[in-house]
């Protein structure tokens, strides 16, 4: 499902305009990004938990040349699916 399809579905189900539904979807996405950017986590019952994980710096290898390269430490977003979502997917 694309963002446009999600907006259309939300507009039809809630009886609102596509513009308002688009604003709602944008607000949710921006709120998730802002919360994760600040190091927080978001738990949505039935969907899952968004969080941040820290990856340590490590040595890697350039696949083209075989030369070792340094991969810096970084923070990455994570998502753990809720049991209800796992059951719906199987």
PDB file of N, CA and C in Angstrom:
ATOM      1  N   UNK A   1       0.844  -1.166   0.000  1.00  0.00           N
ATOM      2  CA  UNK A   1       0.000   0.000   0.000  1.00  0.00           C
ATOM      3  C   UNK A   1       0.896   1.237   0.000  1.00  0.00           C
ATOM      4  N   UNK A   2       0.568   2.170  -0.841  1.00  0.00           N
ATOM      5  CA  UNK A   2       1.320   3.422  -0.913  1.00  0.00           C
ATOM      6  C   UNK A   2       0.697   4.456   0.022  1.00  0.00           C
ATOM      7  N   UNK A   3       1.395   5.565   0.184  1.00  0.00           N
ATOM      8  CA  UNK A   3       0.875   6.632   1.033  1.00  0.00           C
ATOM      9  C   UNK A   3      -0.452   7.157   0.470  1.00  0.00           C
ATOM     10  N   UNK A   4      -0.530   7.315  -0.851  1.00  0.00           N
ATOM     11  CA  UNK A   4      -1.757   7.809  -1.479  1.00  0.00           C
ATOM     12  C   UNK A   4      -2.923   6.851  -1.233  1.00  0.00           C
ATOM     13  N   UNK A   5      -2.671   5.564  -1.295  1.00  0.00           N
ATOM     14  CA  UNK A   5      -3.717   4.574  -1.034  1.00  0.00           C
ATOM     15  C   UNK A   5      -4.150   4.626   0.432  1.00  0.00           C
ATOM     16  N   UNK A   6      -3.194   4.802   1.335  1.00  0.00           N
ATOM     17  CA  UNK A   6      -3.505   4.918   2.755  1.00  0.00           C
ATOM     18  C   UNK A   6      -4.356   6.158   3.024  1.00  0.00           C
ATOM     19  N   UNK A   7      -4.010   7.269   2.392  1.00  0.00           N
ATOM     20  CA  UNK A   7      -4.771   8.510   2.549  1.00  0.00           C
ATOM     21  C   UNK A   7      -6.198   8.309   2.045  1.00  0.00           C
ATOM     22  N   UNK A   8      -6.370   7.680   0.892  1.00  0.00           N
ATOM     23  CA  UNK A   8      -7.703   7.425   0.347  1.00  0.00           C
ATOM     24  C   UNK A   8      -8.518   6.533   1.268  1.00  0.00           C
ATOM     25  N   UNK A   9      -7.896   5.490   1.785  1.00  0.00           N
ATOM     26  CA  UNK A   9      -8.578   4.577   2.701  1.00  0.00           C
ATOM     27  C   UNK A   9      -9.013   5.301   3.971  1.00  0.00           C
ATOM     28  N   UNK A  10      -8.127   6.100   4.540  1.00  0.00           N
ATOM     29  CA  UNK A  10      -8.434   6.860   5.745  1.00  0.00           C
ATOM     30  C   UNK A  10      -9.574   7.852   5.487  1.00  0.00           C
ATOM     31  N   UNK A  11      -9.538   8.533   4.356  1.00  0.00           N
ATOM     32  CA  UNK A  11     -10.587   9.499   4.012  1.00  0.00           C
ATOM     33  C   UNK A  11     -11.941   8.813   3.888  1.00  0.00           C
ATOM     34  N   UNK A  12     -11.971   7.665   3.219  1.00  0.00           N
ATOM     35  CA  UNK A  12     -13.232   6.938   3.030  1.00  0.00           C
ATOM     36  C   UNK A  12     -13.763   6.381   4.348  1.00  0.00           C
ATOM     37  N   UNK A  13     -12.895   5.796   5.163  1.00  0.00           N
ATOM     38  CA  UNK A  13     -13.321   5.168   6.417  1.00  0.00           C
ATOM     39  C   UNK A  13     -13.789   6.194   7.448  1.00  0.00           C
ATOM     40  N   UNK A  14     -13.147   7.370   7.462  1.00  0.00           N
ATOM     41  CA  UNK A  14     -13.468   8.377   8.478  1.00  0.00           C
ATOM     42  C   UNK A  14     -14.435   9.443   7.982  1.00  0.00           C
ATOM     43  N   UNK A  15     -14.744   9.425   6.686  1.00  0.00           N
ATOM     44  CA  UNK A  15     -15.659  10.411   6.137  1.00  0.00           C
ATOM     45  C   UNK A  15     -15.088  11.818   6.128  1.00  0.00           C
ATOM     46  N   UNK A  16     -13.786  11.934   5.867  1.00  0.00           N
ATOM     47  CA  UNK A  16     -13.134  13.239   5.801  1.00  0.00           C
ATOM     48  C   UNK A  16     -12.548  13.427   4.413  1.00  0.00           C
ATOM     49  N   UNK A  17     -12.090  14.637   4.137  1.00  0.00           N
ATOM     50  CA  UNK A  17     -11.501  14.899   2.823  1.00  0.00           C
ATOM     51  C   UNK A  17     -10.117  14.256   2.733  1.00  0.00           C
ATOM     52  N   UNK A  18      -9.683  14.066   1.500  1.00  0.00           N
ATOM     53  CA  UNK A  18      -8.344  13.499   1.296  1.00  0.00           C
ATOM     54  C   UNK A  18      -7.270  14.461   1.810  1.00  0.00           C
ATOM     55  N   UNK A  19      -7.536  15.750   1.734  1.00  0.00           N
ATOM     56  CA  UNK A  19      -6.567  16.740   2.225  1.00  0.00           C
ATOM     57  C   UNK A  19      -6.378  16.588   3.737  1.00  0.00           C
ATOM     58  N   UNK A  20      -7.476  16.451   4.473  1.00  0.00           N
ATOM     59  CA  UNK A  20      -7.382  16.271   5.930  1.00  0.00           C
ATOM     60  C   UNK A  20      -6.724  14.931   6.263  1.00  0.00           C
ATOM     61  N   UNK A  21      -7.072  13.891   5.523  1.00  0.00           N
ATOM     62  CA  UNK A  21      -6.461  12.579   5.750  1.00  0.00           C
ATOM     63  C   UNK A  21      -4.967  12.634   5.461  1.00  0.00           C
ATOM     64  N   UNK A  22      -4.570  13.350   4.421  1.00  0.00           N
ATOM     65  CA  UNK A  22      -3.152  13.510   4.088  1.00  0.00           C
ATOM     66  C   UNK A  22      -2.403  14.238   5.187  1.00  0.00           C
ATOM     67  N   UNK A  23      -3.049  15.266   5.767  1.00  0.00           N
ATOM     68  CA  UNK A  23      -2.429  15.985   6.872  1.00  0.00           C
ATOM     69  C   UNK A  23      -2.258  15.083   8.086  1.00  0.00           C
ATOM     70  N   UNK A  24      -3.241  14.233   8.329  1.00  0.00           N
ATOM     71  CA  UNK A  24      -3.162  13.316   9.472  1.00  0.00           C
ATOM     72  C   UNK A  24      -2.015  12.324   9.288  1.00  0.00           C
ATOM     73  N   UNK A  25      -1.897  11.760   8.101  1.00  0.00           N
ATOM     74  CA  UNK A  25      -0.816  10.799   7.831  1.00  0.00           C
ATOM     75  C   UNK A  25       0.536  11.498   7.951  1.00  0.00           C
ATOM     76  N   UNK A  26       0.658  12.693   7.381  1.00  0.00           N
ATOM     77  CA  UNK A  26       1.910  13.447   7.474  1.00  0.00           C
ATOM     78  C   UNK A  26       2.263  13.753   8.928  1.00  0.00           C
ATOM     79  N   UNK A  27       1.263  14.109   9.736  1.00  0.00           N
ATOM     80  CA  UNK A  27       1.501  14.416  11.145  1.00  0.00           C
ATOM     81  C   UNK A  27       2.013  13.185  11.892  1.00  0.00           C
ATOM     82  N   UNK A  28       1.424  12.027  11.616  1.00  0.00           N
ATOM     83  CA  UNK A  28       1.857  10.793  12.278  1.00  0.00           C
ATOM     84  C   UNK A  28       3.300  10.459  11.900  1.00  0.00           C
ATOM     85  N   UNK A  29       3.610  10.526  10.618  1.00  0.00           N
ATOM     86  CA  UNK A  29       4.970  10.216  10.153  1.00  0.00           C
ATOM     87  C   UNK A  29       5.976  11.197  10.755  1.00  0.00           C
ATOM     88  N   UNK A  30       5.641  12.484  10.751  1.00  0.00           N
ATOM     89  CA  UNK A  30       6.553  13.489  11.314  1.00  0.00           C
ATOM     90  C   UNK A  30       6.737  13.291  12.814  1.00  0.00           C
ATOM     91  N   UNK A  31       5.673  12.920  13.513  1.00  0.00           N
ATOM     92  CA  UNK A  31       5.769  12.684  14.958  1.00  0.00           C
ATOM     93  C   UNK A  31       6.673  11.493  15.260  1.00  0.00           C
ATOM     94  N   UNK A  32       6.567  10.448  14.465  1.00  0.00           N
ATOM     95  CA  UNK A  32       7.431   9.275  14.646  1.00  0.00           C
ATOM     96  C   UNK A  32       8.886   9.669  14.407  1.00  0.00           C
ATOM     97  N   UNK A  33       9.140  10.406  13.326  1.00  0.00           N
ATOM     98  CA  UNK A  33      10.507  10.823  13.013  1.00  0.00           C
ATOM     99  C   UNK A  33      11.085  11.708  14.120  1.00  0.00           C
ATOM    100  N   UNK A  34      10.301  12.647  14.616  1.00  0.00           N
ATOM    101  CA  UNK A  34      10.764  13.553  15.659  1.00  0.00           C
ATOM    102  C   UNK A  34      11.065  12.796  16.951  1.00  0.00           C
ATOM    103  N   UNK A  35      10.169  11.883  17.319  1.00  0.00           N
ATOM    104  CA  UNK A  35      10.369  11.123  18.555  1.00  0.00           C
ATOM    105  C   UNK A  35      11.612  10.244  18.453  1.00  0.00           C
ATOM    106  N   UNK A  36      11.771   9.541  17.337  1.00  0.00           N
ATOM    107  CA  UNK A  36      12.946   8.684  17.170  1.00  0.00           C
ATOM    108  C   UNK A  36      14.221   9.510  17.078  1.00  0.00           C
ATOM    109  N   UNK A  37      14.145  10.671  16.448  1.00  0.00           N
ATOM    110  CA  UNK A  37      15.308  11.553  16.349  1.00  0.00           C
ATOM    111  C   UNK A  37      15.782  12.015  17.711  1.00  0.00           C
ATOM    112  N   UNK A  38      14.857  12.129  18.659  1.00  0.00           N
ATOM    113  CA  UNK A  38      15.210  12.529  20.022  1.00  0.00           C
ATOM    114  C   UNK A  38      15.591  11.358  20.902  1.00  0.00           C
ATOM    115  N   UNK A  39      15.644  10.156  20.332  1.00  0.00           N
ATOM    116  CA  UNK A  39      16.052   8.982  21.097  1.00  0.00           C
ATOM    117  C   UNK A  39      14.907   8.271  21.789  1.00  0.00           C
ATOM    118  N   UNK A  40      13.672   8.690  21.537  1.00  0.00           N
ATOM    119  CA  UNK A  40      12.522   8.066  22.184  1.00  0.00           C
ATOM    120  C   UNK A  40      12.063   6.799  21.471  1.00  0.00           C
ATOM    121  N   UNK A  41      10.969   6.238  21.982  1.00  0.00           N
ATOM    122  CA  UNK A  41      10.390   5.066  21.344  1.00  0.00           C
ATOM    123  C   UNK A  41       8.885   5.239  21.299  1.00  0.00           C
ATOM    124  N   UNK A  42       8.251   4.557  20.351  1.00  0.00           N
ATOM    125  CA  UNK A  42       6.810   4.649  20.167  1.00  0.00           C
ATOM    126  C   UNK A  42       6.246   3.243  20.140  1.00  0.00           C
ATOM    127  N   UNK A  43       5.274   2.979  21.003  1.00  0.00           N
ATOM    128  CA  UNK A  43       4.621   1.673  21.047  1.00  0.00           C
ATOM    129  C   UNK A  43       3.165   1.845  20.630  1.00  0.00           C
ATOM    130  N   UNK A  44       2.771   1.148  19.564  1.00  0.00           N
ATOM    131  CA  UNK A  44       1.399   1.178  19.082  1.00  0.00           C
ATOM    132  C   UNK A  44       0.809  -0.220  19.251  1.00  0.00           C
ATOM    133  N   UNK A  45      -0.167  -0.333  20.149  1.00  0.00           N
ATOM    134  CA  UNK A  45      -0.772  -1.635  20.434  1.00  0.00           C
ATOM    135  C   UNK A  45      -1.331  -2.247  19.148  1.00  0.00           C
ATOM    136  N   UNK A  46      -1.035  -3.508  18.930  1.00  0.00           N
ATOM    137  CA  UNK A  46      -1.510  -4.216  17.756  1.00  0.00           C
ATOM    138  C   UNK A  46      -0.630  -4.030  16.532  1.00  0.00           C
ATOM    139  N   UNK A  47       0.252  -3.042  16.545  1.00  0.00           N
ATOM    140  CA  UNK A  47       1.144  -2.798  15.407  1.00  0.00           C
ATOM    141  C   UNK A  47       2.579  -3.160  15.777  1.00  0.00           C
ATOM    142  N   UNK A  48       3.141  -2.478  16.771  1.00  0.00           N
ATOM    143  CA  UNK A  48       4.503  -2.782  17.177  1.00  0.00           C
ATOM    144  C   UNK A  48       5.167  -1.601  17.842  1.00  0.00           C
ATOM    145  N   UNK A  49       6.482  -1.700  17.987  1.00  0.00           N
ATOM    146  CA  UNK A  49       7.257  -0.678  18.675  1.00  0.00           C
ATOM    147  C   UNK A  49       8.376  -0.176  17.773  1.00  0.00           C
ATOM    148  N   UNK A  50       8.422   1.143  17.617  1.00  0.00           N
ATOM    149  CA  UNK A  50       9.512   1.795  16.906  1.00  0.00           C
ATOM    150  C   UNK A  50      10.519   2.243  17.946  1.00  0.00           C
ATOM    151  N   UNK A  51      11.798   2.090  17.649  1.00  0.00           N
ATOM    152  CA  UNK A  51      12.825   2.496  18.588  1.00  0.00           C
ATOM    153  C   UNK A  51      14.113   2.841  17.873  1.00  0.00           C
ATOM    154  N   UNK A  52      15.138   3.107  18.655  1.00  0.00           N
ATOM    155  CA  UNK A  52      16.465   3.433  18.130  1.00  0.00           C
ATOM    156  C   UNK A  52      17.460   2.443  18.703  1.00  0.00           C
ATOM    157  N   UNK A  53      18.356   1.970  17.872  1.00  0.00           N
ATOM    158  CA  UNK A  53      19.406   1.061  18.296  1.00  0.00           C
ATOM    159  C   UNK A  53      20.750   1.692  17.946  1.00  0.00           C
ATOM    160  N   UNK A  54      21.735   1.472  18.796  1.00  0.00           N
ATOM    161  CA  UNK A  54      23.081   1.992  18.540  1.00  0.00           C
ATOM    162  C   UNK A  54      23.949   0.882  17.964  1.00  0.00           C
ATOM    163  N   UNK A  55      24.538   1.163  16.818  1.00  0.00           N
ATOM    164  CA  UNK A  55      25.481   0.218  16.218  1.00  0.00           C
ATOM    165  C   UNK A  55      26.894   0.696  16.510  1.00  0.00           C
ATOM    166  N   UNK A  56      27.723  -0.202  16.981  1.00  0.00           N
ATOM    167  CA  UNK A  56      29.110   0.137  17.300  1.00  0.00           C
ATOM    168  C   UNK A  56      29.923   0.293  16.020  1.00  0.00           C
ATOM    169  N   UNK A  57      31.004   1.051  16.117  1.00  0.00           N
ATOM    170  CA  UNK A  57      31.938   1.171  15.002  1.00  0.00           C
ATOM    171  C   UNK A  57      32.581  -0.194  14.767  1.00  0.00           C
ATOM    172  N   UNK A  58      32.893  -0.476  13.524  1.00  0.00           N
ATOM    173  CA  UNK A  58      33.484  -1.775  13.206  1.00  0.00           C
ATOM    174  C   UNK A  58      34.310  -1.670  11.931  1.00  0.00           C
ATOM    175  N   UNK A  59      35.066  -2.698  11.706  1.00  0.00           N
ATOM    176  CA  UNK A  59      35.843  -2.772  10.465  1.00  0.00           C
ATOM    177  C   UNK A  59      35.064  -3.614   9.460  1.00  0.00           C
ATOM    178  N   UNK A  60      35.022  -3.132   8.234  1.00  0.00           N
ATOM    179  CA  UNK A  60      34.363  -3.859   7.158  1.00  0.00           C
ATOM    180  C   UNK A  60      35.349  -4.069   6.027  1.00  0.00           C
ATOM    181  N   UNK A  61      34.843  -4.556   4.912  1.00  0.00           N
ATOM    182  CA  UNK A  61      35.697  -4.804   3.768  1.00  0.00           C
ATOM    183  C   UNK A  61      34.999  -4.298   2.516  1.00  0.00           C
ATOM    184  N   UNK A  62      35.717  -3.520   1.710  1.00  0.00           N
ATOM    185  CA  UNK A  62      35.199  -3.044   0.440  1.00  0.00           C
ATOM    186  C   UNK A  62      35.057  -4.260  -0.481  1.00  0.00           C
ATOM    187  N   UNK A  63      33.862  -4.587  -0.945  1.00  0.00           N
ATOM    188  CA  UNK A  63      33.681  -5.797  -1.747  1.00  0.00           C
ATOM    189  C   UNK A  63      34.368  -5.741  -3.111  1.00  0.00           C
ATOM    190  N   UNK A  64      34.604  -4.536  -3.628  1.00  0.00           N
ATOM    191  CA  UNK A  64      35.254  -4.433  -4.938  1.00  0.00           C
ATOM    192  C   UNK A  64      36.762  -4.621  -4.851  1.00  0.00           C
ATOM    193  N   UNK A  65      37.371  -4.046  -3.815  1.00  0.00           N
ATOM    194  CA  UNK A  65      38.829  -4.085  -3.726  1.00  0.00           C
ATOM    195  C   UNK A  65      39.344  -5.036  -2.654  1.00  0.00           C
ATOM    196  N   UNK A  66      38.500  -5.393  -1.711  1.00  0.00           N
ATOM    197  CA  UNK A  66      38.931  -6.251  -0.616  1.00  0.00           C
ATOM    198  C   UNK A  66      39.666  -5.501   0.475  1.00  0.00           C
ATOM    199  N   UNK A  67      39.822  -4.191   0.326  1.00  0.00           N
ATOM    200  CA  UNK A  67      40.532  -3.384   1.314  1.00  0.00           C
ATOM    201  C   UNK A  67      39.661  -3.200   2.565  1.00  0.00           C
ATOM    202  N   UNK A  68      40.263  -3.240   3.744  1.00  0.00           N
ATOM    203  CA  UNK A  68      39.493  -2.987   4.961  1.00  0.00           C
ATOM    204  C   UNK A  68      39.075  -1.519   5.030  1.00  0.00           C
ATOM    205  N   UNK A  69      37.878  -1.282   5.539  1.00  0.00           N
ATOM    206  CA  UNK A  69      37.377   0.081   5.716  1.00  0.00           C
ATOM    207  C   UNK A  69      36.785   0.203   7.116  1.00  0.00           C
ATOM    208  N   UNK A  70      36.807   1.417   7.638  1.00  0.00           N
ATOM    209  CA  UNK A  70      36.234   1.688   8.956  1.00  0.00           C
ATOM    210  C   UNK A  70      34.774   2.109   8.759  1.00  0.00           C
ATOM    211  N   UNK A  71      33.867   1.449   9.443  1.00  0.00           N
ATOM    212  CA  UNK A  71      32.455   1.810   9.417  1.00  0.00           C
ATOM    213  C   UNK A  71      32.152   2.478  10.744  1.00  0.00           C
ATOM    214  N   UNK A  72      31.757   3.759  10.714  1.00  0.00           N
ATOM    215  CA  UNK A  72      31.563   4.499  11.958  1.00  0.00           C
ATOM    216  C   UNK A  72      30.330   4.033  12.734  1.00  0.00           C
ATOM    217  N   UNK A  73      30.312   4.339  14.023  1.00  0.00           N
ATOM    218  CA  UNK A  73      29.155   4.047  14.873  1.00  0.00           C
ATOM    219  C   UNK A  73      27.995   4.919  14.412  1.00  0.00           C
ATOM    220  N   UNK A  74      26.774   4.404  14.590  1.00  0.00           N
ATOM    221  CA  UNK A  74      25.604   5.191  14.218  1.00  0.00           C
ATOM    222  C   UNK A  74      24.366   4.696  14.931  1.00  0.00           C
ATOM    223  N   UNK A  75      23.357   5.533  14.937  1.00  0.00           N
ATOM    224  CA  UNK A  75      22.060   5.169  15.488  1.00  0.00           C
ATOM    225  C   UNK A  75      21.154   4.785  14.321  1.00  0.00           C
ATOM    226  N   UNK A  76      20.416   3.696  14.472  1.00  0.00           N
ATOM    227  CA  UNK A  76      19.530   3.239  13.402  1.00  0.00           C
ATOM    228  C   UNK A  76      18.125   2.990  13.965  1.00  0.00           C
ATOM    229  N   UNK A  77      17.103   3.274  13.155  1.00  0.00           N
ATOM    230  CA  UNK A  77      15.743   2.994  13.613  1.00  0.00           C
ATOM    231  C   UNK A  77      15.467   1.497  13.591  1.00  0.00           C
ATOM    232  N   UNK A  78      14.645   1.043  14.539  1.00  0.00           N
ATOM    233  CA  UNK A  78      14.258  -0.366  14.597  1.00  0.00           C
ATOM    234  C   UNK A  78      12.745  -0.459  14.713  1.00  0.00           C
ATOM    235  N   UNK A  79      12.206  -1.611  14.354  1.00  0.00           N
ATOM    236  CA  UNK A  79      10.781  -1.871  14.513  1.00  0.00           C
ATOM    237  C   UNK A  79      10.602  -3.313  14.946  1.00  0.00           C
ATOM    238  N   UNK A  80       9.846  -3.512  16.021  1.00  0.00           N
ATOM    239  CA  UNK A  80       9.529  -4.850  16.488  1.00  0.00           C
ATOM    240  C   UNK A  80       8.020  -5.022  16.362  1.00  0.00           C
ATOM    241  N   UNK A  81       7.604  -5.962  15.544  1.00  0.00           N
ATOM    242  CA  UNK A  81       6.179  -6.183  15.296  1.00  0.00           C
ATOM    243  C   UNK A  81       5.483  -6.760  16.517  1.00  0.00           C
ATOM    244  N   UNK A  82       4.250  -6.317  16.745  1.00  0.00           N
ATOM    245  CA  UNK A  82       3.422  -6.848  17.841  1.00  0.00           C
ATOM    246  C   UNK A  82       2.914  -8.224  17.463  1.00  0.00           C
ATOM    247  N   UNK A  83       2.499  -8.977  18.450  1.00  0.00           N
ATOM    248  CA  UNK A  83       2.004 -10.341  18.229  1.00  0.00           C
ATOM    249  C   UNK A  83       0.814 -10.336  17.267  1.00  0.00           C
ATOM    250  N   UNK A  84      -0.076  -9.369  17.416  1.00  0.00           N
ATOM    251  CA  UNK A  84      -1.255  -9.286  16.542  1.00  0.00           C
ATOM    252  C   UNK A  84      -0.855  -9.096  15.075  1.00  0.00           C
ATOM    253  N   UNK A  85       0.165  -8.287  14.827  1.00  0.00           N
ATOM    254  CA  UNK A  85       0.647  -8.058  13.474  1.00  0.00           C
ATOM    255  C   UNK A  85       1.308  -9.307  12.915  1.00  0.00           C
ATOM    256  N   UNK A  86       2.086  -9.988  13.745  1.00  0.00           N
ATOM    257  CA  UNK A  86       2.717 -11.245  13.314  1.00  0.00           C
ATOM    258  C   UNK A  86       1.667 -12.274  12.948  1.00  0.00           C
ATOM    259  N   UNK A  87       0.612 -12.379  13.771  1.00  0.00           N
ATOM    260  CA  UNK A  87      -0.461 -13.335  13.487  1.00  0.00           C
ATOM    261  C   UNK A  87      -1.230 -12.986  12.222  1.00  0.00           C
ATOM    262  N   UNK A  88      -1.437 -11.689  11.958  1.00  0.00           N
ATOM    263  CA  UNK A  88      -2.157 -11.272  10.774  1.00  0.00           C
ATOM    264  C   UNK A  88      -1.356 -11.551   9.507  1.00  0.00           C
ATOM    265  N   UNK A  89      -0.033 -11.536   9.621  1.00  0.00           N
ATOM    266  CA  UNK A  89       0.829 -11.747   8.466  1.00  0.00           C
ATOM    267  C   UNK A  89       0.995 -13.216   8.115  1.00  0.00           C
ATOM    268  N   UNK A  90       0.663 -14.106   9.043  1.00  0.00           N
ATOM    269  CA  UNK A  90       0.878 -15.530   8.753  1.00  0.00           C
ATOM    270  C   UNK A  90      -0.406 -16.231   8.369  1.00  0.00           C
TER     271      UNK A  90
END
